[in-house]
C-alpha atoms as a PDB file:
ATOM      1  CA  UNK A   1     -12.982 195.724   5.837  1.00  0.00           C
ATOM      2  CA  UNK A   2     -10.061 193.531   3.935  1.00  0.00           C
ATOM      3  CA  UNK A   3      -6.526 195.383   3.126  1.00  0.00           C
ATOM      4  CA  UNK A   4      -5.549 195.371  -0.630  1.00  0.00           C
ATOM      5  CA  UNK A   5      -2.007 196.553   0.251  1.00  0.00           C
ATOM      6  CA  UNK A   6       0.726 194.974  -2.199  1.00  0.00           C
ATOM      7  CA  UNK A   7       1.603 192.466   0.974  1.00  0.00           C
ATOM      8  CA  UNK A   8      -2.044 191.358   0.867  1.00  0.00           C
ATOM      9  CA  UNK A   9      -2.591 191.105  -2.508  1.00  0.00           C
ATOM     10  CA  UNK A  10       0.577 188.585  -2.745  1.00  0.00           C
ATOM     11  CA  UNK A  11      -0.732 186.756   0.167  1.00  0.00           C
ATOM     12  CA  UNK A  12      -4.140 186.268  -1.336  1.00  0.00           C
ATOM     13  CA  UNK A  13      -2.823 184.942  -4.653  1.00  0.00           C
ATOM     14  CA  UNK A  14      -0.450 182.382  -2.563  1.00  0.00           C
ATOM     15  CA  UNK A  15      -3.505 181.428  -0.706  1.00  0.00           C
ATOM     16  CA  UNK A  16      -5.629 180.887  -3.744  1.00  0.00           C
ATOM     17  CA  UNK A  17      -2.793 178.576  -5.280  1.00  0.00           C
ATOM     18  CA  UNK A  18      -2.738 176.662  -2.091  1.00  0.00           C
ATOM     19  CA  UNK A  19      -6.476 176.096  -2.046  1.00  0.00           C
ATOM     20  CA  UNK A  20      -6.401 175.113  -5.854  1.00  0.00           C
ATOM     21  CA  UNK A  21      -3.861 172.423  -5.395  1.00  0.00           C
ATOM     22  CA  UNK A  22      -5.015 171.660  -1.851  1.00  0.00           C
ATOM     23  CA  UNK A  23      -8.175 170.159  -3.224  1.00  0.00           C
ATOM     24  CA  UNK A  24      -6.718 168.405  -6.193  1.00  0.00           C
ATOM     25  CA  UNK A  25      -4.185 166.628  -3.797  1.00  0.00           C
ATOM     26  CA  UNK A  26      -6.741 165.490  -1.439  1.00  0.00           C
ATOM     27  CA  UNK A  27      -8.782 163.985  -4.529  1.00  0.00           C
ATOM     28  CA  UNK A  28      -5.795 161.869  -5.581  1.00  0.00           C
ATOM     29  CA  UNK A  29      -3.706 164.548  -7.944  1.00  0.00           C
ATOM     30  CA  UNK A  30      -0.112 163.114  -7.347  1.00  0.00           C
ATOM     31  CA  UNK A  31       1.311 166.093  -8.904  1.00  0.00           C
ATOM     32  CA  UNK A  32      -0.973 168.857  -6.759  1.00  0.00           C
ATOM     33  CA  UNK A  33       0.641 167.390  -3.573  1.00  0.00           C
ATOM     34  CA  UNK A  34       4.058 169.032  -4.544  1.00  0.00           C
ATOM     35  CA  UNK A  35       2.124 171.784  -5.775  1.00  0.00           C
ATOM     36  CA  UNK A  36       0.359 172.497  -3.037  1.00  0.00           C
ATOM     37  CA  UNK A  37       3.358 172.160  -0.595  1.00  0.00           C
ATOM     38  CA  UNK A  38       5.304 174.618  -2.272  1.00  0.00           C
ATOM     39  CA  UNK A  39       2.281 176.819  -1.994  1.00  0.00           C
ATOM     40  CA  UNK A  40       2.556 176.311   1.372  1.00  0.00           C
ATOM     41  CA  UNK A  41       5.921 177.123   1.770  1.00  0.00           C
ATOM     42  CA  UNK A  42       5.463 180.344   0.205  1.00  0.00           C
ATOM     43  CA  UNK A  43       2.785 181.599   2.408  1.00  0.00           C
ATOM     44  CA  UNK A  44       4.851 180.328   5.164  1.00  0.00           C
ATOM     45  CA  UNK A  45       7.835 182.824   3.876  1.00  0.00           C
ATOM     46  CA  UNK A  46       5.164 185.767   3.313  1.00  0.00           C
ATOM     47  CA  UNK A  47       3.959 185.145   6.931  1.00  0.00           C
ATOM     48  CA  UNK A  48       6.626 187.259   8.800  1.00  0.00           C
ATOM     49  CA  UNK A  49       6.049 190.231   6.601  1.00  0.00           C
ATOM     50  CA  UNK A  50       2.290 190.247   6.031  1.00  0.00           C
ATOM     51  CA  UNK A  51       1.941 189.111   9.476  1.00  0.00           C
ATOM     52  CA  UNK A  52       3.966 192.386  11.083  1.00  0.00           C
ATOM     53  CA  UNK A  53       0.407 193.708  12.398  1.00  0.00           C
ATOM     54  CA  UNK A  54      -1.151 190.751  13.407  1.00  0.00           C
ATOM     55  CA  UNK A  55      -1.828 190.189  17.004  1.00  0.00           C
ATOM     56  CA  UNK A  56       1.018 187.965  18.596  1.00  0.00           C
ATOM     57  CA  UNK A  57      -1.734 185.292  19.171  1.00  0.00           C
ATOM     58  CA  UNK A  58      -3.155 185.306  15.861  1.00  0.00           C
ATOM     59  CA  UNK A  59       0.336 185.393  14.307  1.00  0.00           C
ATOM     60  CA  UNK A  60       1.131 182.272  16.086  1.00  0.00           C
ATOM     61  CA  UNK A  61      -2.139 180.516  15.291  1.00  0.00           C
ATOM     62  CA  UNK A  62      -1.885 181.205  11.535  1.00  0.00           C
ATOM     63  CA  UNK A  63       1.902 179.941  11.591  1.00  0.00           C
ATOM     64  CA  UNK A  64       0.740 176.591  12.933  1.00  0.00           C
ATOM     65  CA  UNK A  65      -1.822 176.089  10.606  1.00  0.00           C
ATOM     66  CA  UNK A  66       0.524 176.738   7.434  1.00  0.00           C
ATOM     67  CA  UNK A  67       2.980 174.684   9.212  1.00  0.00           C
ATOM     68  CA  UNK A  68       0.519 171.797   9.449  1.00  0.00           C
ATOM     69  CA  UNK A  69      -0.371 171.808   5.744  1.00  0.00           C
ATOM     70  CA  UNK A  70       3.393 171.557   5.205  1.00  0.00           C
ATOM     71  CA  UNK A  71       4.229 168.749   7.114  1.00  0.00           C
ATOM     72  CA  UNK A  72       1.335 166.713   6.258  1.00  0.00           C
ATOM     73  CA  UNK A  73       2.051 166.907   2.637  1.00  0.00           C
ATOM     74  CA  UNK A  74       5.688 166.381   2.882  1.00  0.00           C
ATOM     75  CA  UNK A  75       5.781 162.508   3.281  1.00  0.00           C
ATOM     76  CA  UNK A  76       3.195 161.681   0.898  1.00  0.00           C
ATOM     77  CA  UNK A  77       5.398 163.817  -1.565  1.00  0.00           C
ATOM     78  CA  UNK A  78       8.504 162.006  -0.889  1.00  0.00           C
ATOM     79  CA  UNK A  79       6.789 158.646  -1.139  1.00  0.00           C
ATOM     80  CA  UNK A  80       5.098 159.542  -4.608  1.00  0.00           C
ATOM     81  CA  UNK A  81       8.724 160.881  -5.904  1.00  0.00           C
ATOM     82  CA  UNK A  82      10.392 157.855  -4.908  1.00  0.00           C
ATOM     83  CA  UNK A  83       7.881 155.755  -6.921  1.00  0.00           C
ATOM     84  CA  UNK A  84       8.499 157.990  -9.919  1.00  0.00           C
ATOM     85  CA  UNK A  85      12.399 157.539  -9.677  1.00  0.00           C
ATOM     86  CA  UNK A  86      12.155 153.739  -9.276  1.00  0.00           C
ATOM     87  CA  UNK A  87       9.716 153.622 -12.259  1.00  0.00           C
ATOM     88  CA  UNK A  88      12.463 155.476 -14.264  1.00  0.00           C
ATOM     89  CA  UNK A  89      15.234 153.074 -13.159  1.00  0.00           C
ATOM     90  CA  UNK A  90      12.992 150.161 -14.029  1.00  0.00           C
ATOM     91  CA  UNK A  91      12.663 151.372 -17.670  1.00  0.00           C
ATOM     92  CA  UNK A  92      16.226 152.136 -17.818  1.00  0.00           C
ATOM     93  CA  UNK A  93      17.814 148.995 -16.196  1.00  0.00           C
ATOM     94  CA  UNK A  94      15.884 146.005 -17.251  1.00  0.00           C
ATOM     95  CA  UNK A  95      17.945 143.699 -15.055  1.00  0.00           C
ATOM     96  CA  UNK A  96      17.057 145.546 -11.969  1.00  0.00           C
ATOM     97  CA  UNK A  97      13.250 145.034 -12.364  1.00  0.00           C
ATOM     98  CA  UNK A  98      13.005 142.380  -9.537  1.00  0.00           C
ATOM     99  CA  UNK A  99      14.791 144.657  -7.098  1.00  0.00           C
ATOM    100  CA  UNK A 100      12.973 147.627  -8.324  1.00  0.00           C
ATOM    101  CA  UNK A 101       9.476 145.924  -7.895  1.00  0.00           C
ATOM    102  CA  UNK A 102      10.630 144.746  -4.239  1.00  0.00           C
ATOM    103  CA  UNK A 103      11.461 148.135  -3.374  1.00  0.00           C
ATOM    104  CA  UNK A 104       8.441 149.864  -4.866  1.00  0.00           C
ATOM    105  CA  UNK A 105       6.374 147.349  -2.870  1.00  0.00           C
ATOM    106  CA  UNK A 106       8.087 149.084   0.343  1.00  0.00           C
ATOM    107  CA  UNK A 107       7.163 152.435  -1.148  1.00  0.00           C
ATOM    108  CA  UNK A 108       3.798 151.958  -1.877  1.00  0.00           C
ATOM    109  CA  UNK A 109       3.157 150.832   1.563  1.00  0.00           C
ATOM    110  CA  UNK A 110       4.302 153.896   3.048  1.00  0.00           C
ATOM    111  CA  UNK A 111       2.598 156.063   0.668  1.00  0.00           C
ATOM    112  CA  UNK A 112      -0.983 154.421   1.714  1.00  0.00           C
ATOM    113  CA  UNK A 113      -0.359 155.112   5.236  1.00  0.00           C
ATOM    114  CA  UNK A 114       1.069 158.605   4.708  1.00  0.00           C
ATOM    115  CA  UNK A 115      -1.998 159.110   2.374  1.00  0.00           C
ATOM    116  CA  UNK A 116      -4.248 158.167   5.109  1.00  0.00           C
ATOM    117  CA  UNK A 117      -2.632 160.589   7.701  1.00  0.00           C
ATOM    118  CA  UNK A 118      -2.592 163.153   4.947  1.00  0.00           C
ATOM    119  CA  UNK A 119      -6.462 162.979   4.783  1.00  0.00           C
ATOM    120  CA  UNK A 120      -6.587 162.912   8.325  1.00  0.00           C
ATOM    121  CA  UNK A 121      -4.556 166.251   8.971  1.00  0.00           C
ATOM    122  CA  UNK A 122      -6.096 168.004   5.746  1.00  0.00           C
ATOM    123  CA  UNK A 123      -9.524 166.389   5.001  1.00  0.00           C
ATOM    124  CA  UNK A 124     -12.493 168.483   4.280  1.00  0.00           C
ATOM    125  CA  UNK A 125     -13.521 169.681   7.815  1.00  0.00           C
ATOM    126  CA  UNK A 126     -10.219 170.534   8.877  1.00  0.00           C
ATOM    127  CA  UNK A 127      -9.279 172.031   5.396  1.00  0.00           C
ATOM    128  CA  UNK A 128     -11.921 174.460   5.942  1.00  0.00           C
ATOM    129  CA  UNK A 129     -10.599 175.708   9.252  1.00  0.00           C
ATOM    130  CA  UNK A 130      -7.338 175.908   8.132  1.00  0.00           C
ATOM    131  CA  UNK A 131      -8.192 177.979   4.928  1.00  0.00           C
ATOM    132  CA  UNK A 132     -10.444 180.337   7.185  1.00  0.00           C
ATOM    133  CA  UNK A 133      -7.725 181.072   9.726  1.00  0.00           C
ATOM    134  CA  UNK A 134      -5.175 181.783   6.494  1.00  0.00           C
ATOM    135  CA  UNK A 135      -7.850 183.508   4.882  1.00  0.00           C
ATOM    136  CA  UNK A 136      -8.560 185.696   8.294  1.00  0.00           C
ATOM    137  CA  UNK A 137      -4.974 187.605   7.741  1.00  0.00           C
ATOM    138  CA  UNK A 138      -6.349 189.718   5.172  1.00  0.00           C
ATOM    139  CA  UNK A 139      -8.505 191.156   7.954  1.00  0.00           C
ATOM    140  CA  UNK A 140      -5.349 193.091   9.261  1.00  0.00           C
ATOM    141  CA  UNK A 141      -3.676 196.174   7.315  1.00  0.00           C
ATOM    142  CA  UNK A 142      -0.366 196.201   5.494  1.00  0.00           C
ATOM    143  CA  UNK A 143       2.511 197.247   7.777  1.00  0.00           C
ATOM    144  CA  UNK A 144       4.176 200.548   6.711  1.00  0.00           C
ATOM    145  CA  UNK A 145       6.760 199.755   3.347  1.00  0.00           C
ATOM    146  CA  UNK A 146       9.361 201.308   5.652  1.00  0.00           C
ATOM    147  CA  UNK A 147       8.684 198.300   8.028  1.00  0.00           C
ATOM    148  CA  UNK A 148       8.465 195.337   6.101  1.00  0.00           C
ATOM    149  CA  UNK A 149      10.926 196.042   3.653  1.00  0.00           C
ATOM    150  CA  UNK A 150      13.735 196.077   6.292  1.00  0.00           C
ATOM    151  CA  UNK A 151      12.402 192.911   8.013  1.00  0.00           C
ATOM    152  CA  UNK A 152      12.666 191.535   4.428  1.00  0.00           C
ATOM    153  CA  UNK A 153      15.890 192.604   3.620  1.00  0.00           C
ATOM    154  CA  UNK A 154      17.164 191.300   6.865  1.00  0.00           C
ATOM    155  CA  UNK A 155      15.427 187.963   6.309  1.00  0.00           C
ATOM    156  CA  UNK A 156      17.352 187.717   2.723  1.00  0.00           C
ATOM    157  CA  UNK A 157      20.488 188.658   4.158  1.00  0.00           C
ATOM    158  CA  UNK A 158      20.461 186.235   6.750  1.00  0.00           C
ATOM    159  CA  UNK A 159      19.656 183.365   4.617  1.00  0.00           C
ATOM    160  CA  UNK A 160      22.402 184.592   2.015  1.00  0.00           C
ATOM    161  CA  UNK A 161      24.689 184.040   4.940  1.00  0.00           C
ATOM    162  CA  UNK A 162      23.162 180.495   5.565  1.00  0.00           C
ATOM    163  CA  UNK A 163      23.705 179.388   2.326  1.00  0.00           C
ATOM    164  CA  UNK A 164      27.202 180.754   1.985  1.00  0.00           C
ATOM    165  CA  UNK A 165      28.093 179.287   5.526  1.00  0.00           C
ATOM    166  CA  UNK A 166      26.482 176.098   4.279  1.00  0.00           C
ATOM    167  CA  UNK A 167      28.670 175.636   1.294  1.00  0.00           C
ATOM    168  CA  UNK A 168      31.674 176.666   2.903  1.00  0.00           C
ATOM    169  CA  UNK A 169      31.119 174.095   5.682  1.00  0.00           C
ATOM    170  CA  UNK A 170      30.439 171.110   2.998  1.00  0.00           C
ATOM    171  CA  UNK A 171      33.466 171.591   1.408  1.00  0.00           C
ATOM    172  CA  UNK A 172      34.224 169.284  -1.727  1.00  0.00           C
ATOM    173  CA  UNK A 173      33.638 165.962   0.056  1.00  0.00           C
ATOM    174  CA  UNK A 174      30.601 163.627  -0.439  1.00  0.00           C
ATOM    175  CA  UNK A 175      28.578 164.500   2.535  1.00  0.00           C
ATOM    176  CA  UNK A 176      24.915 163.843   2.152  1.00  0.00           C
ATOM    177  CA  UNK A 177      23.751 165.582   5.032  1.00  0.00           C
ATOM    178  CA  UNK A 178      25.473 168.780   4.425  1.00  0.00           C
ATOM    179  CA  UNK A 179      24.657 168.778   0.920  1.00  0.00           C
ATOM    180  CA  UNK A 180      21.148 168.597   2.108  1.00  0.00           C
ATOM    181  CA  UNK A 181      21.431 171.564   4.172  1.00  0.00           C
ATOM    182  CA  UNK A 182      22.674 173.180   1.293  1.00  0.00           C
ATOM    183  CA  UNK A 183      19.422 172.445  -0.464  1.00  0.00           C
ATOM    184  CA  UNK A 184      17.573 173.818   2.400  1.00  0.00           C
ATOM    185  CA  UNK A 185      19.497 176.999   2.638  1.00  0.00           C
ATOM    186  CA  UNK A 186      19.072 177.588  -1.333  1.00  0.00           C
ATOM    187  CA  UNK A 187      15.399 177.130  -0.800  1.00  0.00           C
ATOM    188  CA  UNK A 188      14.972 179.597   1.670  1.00  0.00           C
ATOM    189  CA  UNK A 189      17.029 182.225  -0.174  1.00  0.00           C
ATOM    190  CA  UNK A 190      15.040 181.587  -3.285  1.00  0.00           C
ATOM    191  CA  UNK A 191      11.824 181.840  -1.548  1.00  0.00           C
ATOM    192  CA  UNK A 192      13.105 185.182   0.054  1.00  0.00           C
ATOM    193  CA  UNK A 193      14.047 186.561  -3.577  1.00  0.00           C
ATOM    194  CA  UNK A 194      10.740 185.301  -4.941  1.00  0.00           C
ATOM    195  CA  UNK A 195       8.919 187.661  -2.443  1.00  0.00           C
ATOM    196  CA  UNK A 196      11.458 190.416  -3.075  1.00  0.00           C
ATOM    197  CA  UNK A 197      10.456 190.244  -6.599  1.00  0.00           C
ATOM    198  CA  UNK A 198       6.745 189.969  -6.235  1.00  0.00           C
ATOM    199  CA  UNK A 199       6.100 192.628  -3.650  1.00  0.00           C
ATOM    200  CA  UNK A 200       8.321 194.683  -6.167  1.00  0.00           C
ATOM    201  CA  UNK A 201      10.999 195.648  -3.415  1.00  0.00           C
ATOM    202  CA  UNK A 202      13.885 194.145  -5.812  1.00  0.00           C
ATOM    203  CA  UNK A 203      13.977 192.130  -9.105  1.00  0.00           C
ATOM    204  CA  UNK A 204      16.114 189.166  -8.528  1.00  0.00           C
ATOM    205  CA  UNK A 205      14.540 186.707 -11.276  1.00  0.00           C
ATOM    206  CA  UNK A 206      18.054 185.376 -12.297  1.00  0.00           C
ATOM    207  CA  UNK A 207      18.951 184.508  -9.199  1.00  0.00           C
ATOM    208  CA  UNK A 208      15.690 182.876  -8.259  1.00  0.00           C
ATOM    209  CA  UNK A 209      16.107 180.908 -11.791  1.00  0.00           C
ATOM    210  CA  UNK A 210      19.439 179.847 -10.518  1.00  0.00           C
ATOM    211  CA  UNK A 211      18.928 178.935  -7.048  1.00  0.00           C
ATOM    212  CA  UNK A 212      15.682 177.041  -8.445  1.00  0.00           C
ATOM    213  CA  UNK A 213      18.531 174.966 -10.392  1.00  0.00           C
ATOM    214  CA  UNK A 214      20.918 174.304  -7.730  1.00  0.00           C
ATOM    215  CA  UNK A 215      17.522 173.314  -5.356  1.00  0.00           C
ATOM    216  CA  UNK A 216      16.382 170.822  -8.254  1.00  0.00           C
ATOM    217  CA  UNK A 217      20.001 169.732  -8.712  1.00  0.00           C
ATOM    218  CA  UNK A 218      20.404 168.594  -4.822  1.00  0.00           C
ATOM    219  CA  UNK A 219      16.962 167.535  -4.347  1.00  0.00           C
ATOM    220  CA  UNK A 220      17.386 165.132  -7.198  1.00  0.00           C
ATOM    221  CA  UNK A 221      20.468 163.796  -5.349  1.00  0.00           C
ATOM    222  CA  UNK A 222      18.584 163.706  -1.955  1.00  0.00           C
ATOM    223  CA  UNK A 223      15.488 162.002  -3.298  1.00  0.00           C
ATOM    224  CA  UNK A 224      18.014 159.186  -5.029  1.00  0.00           C
ATOM    225  CA  UNK A 225      19.244 159.004  -1.210  1.00  0.00           C
ATOM    226  CA  UNK A 226      15.671 158.302  -0.170  1.00  0.00           C
ATOM    227  CA  UNK A 227      15.239 155.695  -2.466  1.00  0.00           C
ATOM    228  CA  UNK A 228      18.604 153.887  -1.400  1.00  0.00           C
ATOM    229  CA  UNK A 229      17.051 154.044   2.054  1.00  0.00           C
ATOM    230  CA  UNK A 230      13.967 151.959   0.971  1.00  0.00           C
ATOM    231  CA  UNK A 231      16.478 149.648  -0.858  1.00  0.00           C
ATOM    232  CA  UNK A 232      18.135 148.835   2.193  1.00  0.00           C
ATOM    233  CA  UNK A 233      15.124 147.984   3.925  1.00  0.00           C
ATOM    234  CA  UNK A 234      13.910 145.253   1.583  1.00  0.00           C
ATOM    235  CA  UNK A 235      13.484 141.721   3.410  1.00  0.00           C
ATOM    236  CA  UNK A 236      16.239 139.660   2.637  1.00  0.00           C
ATOM    237  CA  UNK A 237      15.537 137.141  -0.241  1.00  0.00           C
ATOM    238  CA  UNK A 238      18.397 135.006  -1.965  1.00  0.00           C
ATOM    239  CA  UNK A 239      16.670 136.030  -5.357  1.00  0.00           C
ATOM    240  CA  UNK A 240      16.925 139.674  -4.979  1.00  0.00           C
ATOM    241  CA  UNK A 241      20.211 140.078  -3.134  1.00  0.00           C
ATOM    242  CA  UNK A 242      22.208 140.284  -6.252  1.00  0.00           C
ATOM    243  CA  UNK A 243      19.621 143.037  -7.939  1.00  0.00           C
ATOM    244  CA  UNK A 244      19.376 144.752  -4.516  1.00  0.00           C
ATOM    245  CA  UNK A 245      22.882 145.512  -4.236  1.00  0.00           C
ATOM    246  CA  UNK A 246      23.284 146.360  -7.964  1.00  0.00           C
ATOM    247  CA  UNK A 247      20.324 148.733  -7.562  1.00  0.00           C
ATOM    248  CA  UNK A 248      22.092 150.287  -4.326  1.00  0.00           C
ATOM    249  CA  UNK A 249      25.298 150.702  -6.193  1.00  0.00           C
ATOM    250  CA  UNK A 250      23.379 152.226  -9.180  1.00  0.00           C
ATOM    251  CA  UNK A 251      22.134 154.840  -6.769  1.00  0.00           C
ATOM    252  CA  UNK A 252      25.100 155.426  -5.208  1.00  0.00           C
ATOM    253  CA  UNK A 253      27.002 156.202  -8.485  1.00  0.00           C
ATOM    254  CA  UNK A 254      24.353 158.442  -9.526  1.00  0.00           C
ATOM    255  CA  UNK A 255      24.497 160.219  -6.385  1.00  0.00           C
ATOM    256  CA  UNK A 256      28.443 160.885  -6.423  1.00  0.00           C
ATOM    257  CA  UNK A 257      27.688 162.026 -10.446  1.00  0.00           C
ATOM    258  CA  UNK A 258      25.598 164.443  -9.015  1.00  0.00           C
ATOM    259  CA  UNK A 259      27.711 165.662  -6.411  1.00  0.00           C
ATOM    260  CA  UNK A 260      30.722 166.154  -9.230  1.00  0.00           C
ATOM    261  CA  UNK A 261      28.326 168.152 -11.299  1.00  0.00           C
ATOM    262  CA  UNK A 262      27.544 170.484  -8.013  1.00  0.00           C
ATOM    263  CA  UNK A 263      31.201 170.918  -7.545  1.00  0.00           C
ATOM    264  CA  UNK A 264      31.874 172.199 -10.977  1.00  0.00           C
ATOM    265  CA  UNK A 265      29.297 175.042 -10.091  1.00  0.00           C
ATOM    266  CA  UNK A 266      30.328 175.588  -6.636  1.00  0.00           C
ATOM    267  CA  UNK A 267      32.113 178.865  -7.034  1.00  0.00           C
ATOM    268  CA  UNK A 268      29.656 180.370  -9.257  1.00  0.00           C
ATOM    269  CA  UNK A 269      27.222 179.565  -6.438  1.00  0.00           C
ATOM    270  CA  UNK A 270      29.275 181.281  -3.667  1.00  0.00           C
ATOM    271  CA  UNK A 271      29.724 184.248  -6.196  1.00  0.00           C
ATOM    272  CA  UNK A 272      25.820 184.647  -6.416  1.00  0.00           C
ATOM    273  CA  UNK A 273      25.630 184.767  -3.079  1.00  0.00           C
ATOM    274  CA  UNK A 274      27.806 187.559  -2.702  1.00  0.00           C
ATOM    275  CA  UNK A 275      25.911 189.577  -5.177  1.00  0.00           C
ATOM    276  CA  UNK A 276      22.569 188.900  -3.350  1.00  0.00           C
ATOM    277  CA  UNK A 277      24.304 190.244  -0.204  1.00  0.00           C
ATOM    278  CA  UNK A 278      25.847 193.395  -1.572  1.00  0.00           C
ATOM    279  CA  UNK A 279      23.162 194.568  -4.258  1.00  0.00           C
ATOM    280  CA  UNK A 280      20.134 193.000  -3.725  1.00  0.00           C
ATOM    281  CA  UNK A 281      19.664 193.075   0.002  1.00  0.00           C
ATOM    282  CA  UNK A 282      20.322 196.762   0.058  1.00  0.00           C
ATOM    283  CA  UNK A 283      17.936 197.214  -3.019  1.00  0.00           C
ATOM    284  CA  UNK A 284      15.196 195.753  -0.778  1.00  0.00           C
ATOM    285  CA  UNK A 285      16.033 197.866   2.148  1.00  0.00           C
ATOM    286  CA  UNK A 286      16.349 200.970   0.139  1.00  0.00           C
ATOM    287  CA  UNK A 287      13.067 202.420   1.009  1.00  0.00           C
ATOM    288  CA  UNK A 288      13.270 201.333   4.727  1.00  0.00           C
ATOM    289  CA  UNK A 289      14.291 204.452   5.930  1.00  0.00           C
ATOM    290  CA  UNK A 290      16.792 202.910   8.761  1.00  0.00           C
ATOM    291  CA  UNK A 291      19.220 200.078   9.713  1.00  0.00           C
ATOM    292  CA  UNK A 292      18.038 196.901   9.113  1.00  0.00           C
ATOM    293  CA  UNK A 293      19.137 195.845  12.813  1.00  0.00           C
ATOM    294  CA  UNK A 294      16.671 197.421  14.048  1.00  0.00           C
ATOM    295  CA  UNK A 295      14.176 195.040  13.034  1.00  0.00           C
ATOM    296  CA  UNK A 296      16.170 191.560  13.805  1.00  0.00           C
ATOM    297  CA  UNK A 297      13.994 190.905  16.766  1.00  0.00           C
ATOM    298  CA  UNK A 298      10.733 190.884  14.215  1.00  0.00           C
ATOM    299  CA  UNK A 299      11.996 188.046  12.157  1.00  0.00           C
ATOM    300  CA  UNK A 300      10.326 184.501  12.733  1.00  0.00           C
END
């Protein structure tokens, strides 16, 4: 008999979203690739909470299955975004069109290869097995609210600390890798807060929206850096050299502009993180009936 507790209702909704977008992605829908990847990440975020009652071997198998989906979709999504950005640049910067076209050909080659690998990993027969494995989570009962709320509170606390530390470590200099770490930390905290809202453990919609804005902003910067790497790999050609150099400068200038806008909101972000740690985390754990440290070892 399947559980119908709050956690399993959340899991069911998220699995339904993955199934829908996954099917569209394997049928060639470019937008669905990103949506399916987001759905898989939301399932991964839910699993340490929903999976508290799963046998260890089953929990590990489910974790591997959902991670397999995320990893298969990621490279395809990256190539799709790179092509879209190049198309935008080509429309806005006509003199750069030859360099944009040469760069886009490199991305198209990568996209074709990655698309084939995605279908190998997530095609019909493999997909059926993975969905069956993920659907099996609903056979197990919801853990007690006191337990899962403490786990969720501790995960949220650690992710708030990670984001604050990432912002501090990045400082004010333009360091692409450190900015990427801020984006990853913001995304993870956002997913924890989304889960808190969806389970009604705590309302944090304003914080989720602000973190999503930050994630999108730094994500755009990262995507431009990926395009820049593709441009740097365009084969030497005298007729293109000047245009490729101009494209590289355009990308670099845009990234620095985005970084400056991030710095303008840096203190607000640190303040948001403090509020999450001081107010939202205790609210999530408020019905947990104990110290969050008790469940640290349960966190995946």
